[in-house]
Amino acid sequence: MTRKQALLRLSQVQFAAWELHVYLDTHPDDMAAALRYKQYASEYQKMLSEFEMQFGPITGPANGNDWLKDPWPWENAKESDC
């Protein structure tokens, strides 16, 4: 399976899990949907782990608020650019 195919499949499973999550917000007593949500969420975590082992991480490392310490794009502008 190519990276693109694996990412598409991962996105599909994530979408299905998210839609069931939203559905369960308004139908909390639907046990069949809750079970299906748990299955999709579990499958997503498994697929994500396999994807990251094969192709590397999808997102960068989470460093909390470190990104706030970086200069903002307008802070790098030269006076002649303003």
C-alpha atoms as a PDB file:
ATOM      1  CA  MET A   1       0.000   0.000   0.000  1.00  0.00           C
ATOM      2  CA  THR A   2       1.379   3.413  -0.917  1.00  0.00           C
ATOM      3  CA  ARG A   3       1.586   6.326   1.524  1.00  0.00           C
ATOM      4  CA  LYS A   4      -1.251   8.074  -0.285  1.00  0.00           C
ATOM      5  CA  GLN A   5      -3.502   5.001  -0.112  1.00  0.00           C
ATOM      6  CA  ALA A   6      -2.716   4.429   3.562  1.00  0.00           C
ATOM      7  CA  LEU A   7      -3.398   8.084   4.381  1.00  0.00           C
ATOM      8  CA  LEU A   8      -6.711   7.974   2.510  1.00  0.00           C
ATOM      9  CA  ARG A   9      -7.804   4.848   4.384  1.00  0.00           C
ATOM     10  CA  LEU A  10      -6.710   6.377   7.687  1.00  0.00           C
ATOM     11  CA  SER A  11      -8.743   9.494   6.897  1.00  0.00           C
ATOM     12  CA  GLN A  12     -11.801   7.412   6.052  1.00  0.00           C
ATOM     13  CA  VAL A  13     -11.705   5.558   9.355  1.00  0.00           C
ATOM     14  CA  GLN A  14     -11.089   8.784  11.271  1.00  0.00           C
ATOM     15  CA  PHE A  15     -14.048  10.420   9.520  1.00  0.00           C
ATOM     16  CA  ALA A  16     -16.342   7.488  10.351  1.00  0.00           C
ATOM     17  CA  ALA A  17     -15.287   7.589  14.010  1.00  0.00           C
ATOM     18  CA  TRP A  18     -15.812  11.347  14.200  1.00  0.00           C
ATOM     19  CA  GLU A  19     -19.269  11.172  12.606  1.00  0.00           C
ATOM     20  CA  LEU A  20     -20.318   8.483  15.076  1.00  0.00           C
ATOM     21  CA  HIS A  21     -18.934  10.606  17.905  1.00  0.00           C
ATOM     22  CA  VAL A  22     -21.091  13.544  16.794  1.00  0.00           C
ATOM     23  CA  TYR A  23     -24.115  11.254  16.382  1.00  0.00           C
ATOM     24  CA  LEU A  24     -23.632   9.925  19.902  1.00  0.00           C
ATOM     25  CA  ASP A  25     -23.754  13.486  21.261  1.00  0.00           C
ATOM     26  CA  THR A  26     -27.447  13.534  20.361  1.00  0.00           C
ATOM     27  CA  HIS A  27     -28.170   9.801  20.698  1.00  0.00           C
ATOM     28  CA  PRO A  28     -26.246   8.697  23.801  1.00  0.00           C
ATOM     29  CA  ASP A  29     -28.440   5.631  24.357  1.00  0.00           C
ATOM     30  CA  ASP A  30     -27.695   4.047  20.958  1.00  0.00           C
ATOM     31  CA  MET A  31     -25.545   1.148  22.099  1.00  0.00           C
ATOM     32  CA  ALA A  32     -25.003  -0.187  18.573  1.00  0.00           C
ATOM     33  CA  ALA A  33     -23.566   3.164  17.497  1.00  0.00           C
ATOM     34  CA  ALA A  34     -21.440   3.337  20.641  1.00  0.00           C
ATOM     35  CA  LEU A  35     -19.999  -0.101  19.900  1.00  0.00           C
ATOM     36  CA  ARG A  36     -19.339   0.822  16.287  1.00  0.00           C
ATOM     37  CA  TYR A  37     -17.637   4.053  17.442  1.00  0.00           C
ATOM     38  CA  LYS A  38     -15.346   2.098  19.756  1.00  0.00           C
ATOM     39  CA  GLN A  39     -14.472  -0.255  16.887  1.00  0.00           C
ATOM     40  CA  TYR A  40     -13.627   2.619  14.525  1.00  0.00           C
ATOM     41  CA  ALA A  41     -11.656   4.465  17.202  1.00  0.00           C
ATOM     42  CA  SER A  42      -9.672   1.324  17.978  1.00  0.00           C
ATOM     43  CA  GLU A  43      -9.084   0.612  14.292  1.00  0.00           C
ATOM     44  CA  TYR A  44      -7.947   4.203  13.756  1.00  0.00           C
ATOM     45  CA  GLN A  45      -5.396   3.996  16.576  1.00  0.00           C
ATOM     46  CA  LYS A  46      -4.048   0.718  15.200  1.00  0.00           C
ATOM     47  CA  MET A  47      -3.865   2.062  11.650  1.00  0.00           C
ATOM     48  CA  LEU A  48      -2.234   5.294  12.841  1.00  0.00           C
ATOM     49  CA  SER A  49       0.438   3.327  14.683  1.00  0.00           C
ATOM     50  CA  GLU A  50       1.113   1.170  11.615  1.00  0.00           C
ATOM     51  CA  PHE A  51       1.150   4.212   9.333  1.00  0.00           C
ATOM     52  CA  GLU A  52       3.649   6.057  11.530  1.00  0.00           C
ATOM     53  CA  MET A  53       5.892   2.999  11.759  1.00  0.00           C
ATOM     54  CA  GLN A  54       5.964   2.672   7.980  1.00  0.00           C
ATOM     55  CA  PHE A  55       5.871   6.300   6.818  1.00  0.00           C
ATOM     56  CA  GLY A  56       6.803   8.398   9.857  1.00  0.00           C
ATOM     57  CA  PRO A  57       4.740  10.694  12.038  1.00  0.00           C
ATOM     58  CA  ILE A  58       1.800  12.580  10.579  1.00  0.00           C
ATOM     59  CA  THR A  59       2.322  15.606  12.823  1.00  0.00           C
ATOM     60  CA  GLY A  60       5.373  17.152  14.372  1.00  0.00           C
ATOM     61  CA  PRO A  61       6.273  16.772  18.010  1.00  0.00           C
ATOM     62  CA  ALA A  62       3.920  18.412  20.471  1.00  0.00           C
ATOM     63  CA  ASN A  63       5.927  20.878  22.498  1.00  0.00           C
ATOM     64  CA  GLY A  64       3.086  22.614  24.257  1.00  0.00           C
ATOM     65  CA  ASN A  65       3.226  26.339  23.643  1.00  0.00           C
ATOM     66  CA  ASP A  66       6.736  26.462  22.159  1.00  0.00           C
ATOM     67  CA  TRP A  67       5.291  27.618  18.839  1.00  0.00           C
ATOM     68  CA  LEU A  68       4.214  30.839  20.566  1.00  0.00           C
ATOM     69  CA  LYS A  69       7.860  31.686  21.213  1.00  0.00           C
ATOM     70  CA  ASP A  70       8.712  31.667  17.510  1.00  0.00           C
ATOM     71  CA  PRO A  71       8.627  34.986  15.692  1.00  0.00           C
ATOM     72  CA  TRP A  72       5.396  35.746  13.888  1.00  0.00           C
ATOM     73  CA  PRO A  73       5.621  36.367  10.121  1.00  0.00           C
ATOM     74  CA  TRP A  74       5.244  40.156  10.505  1.00  0.00           C
ATOM     75  CA  GLU A  75       8.015  40.222  13.093  1.00  0.00           C
ATOM     76  CA  ASN A  76      10.466  39.083  10.409  1.00  0.00           C
ATOM     77  CA  ALA A  77       9.425  41.761   7.923  1.00  0.00           C
ATOM     78  CA  LYS A  78      12.076  44.280   6.982  1.00  0.00           C
ATOM     79  CA  GLU A  79      11.271  47.938   7.391  1.00  0.00           C
ATOM     80  CA  SER A  80      11.515  48.336   3.625  1.00  0.00           C
ATOM     81  CA  ASP A  81       8.795  45.672   3.220  1.00  0.00           C
ATOM     82  CA  CYS A  82       6.290  47.667   5.330  1.00  0.00           C
END
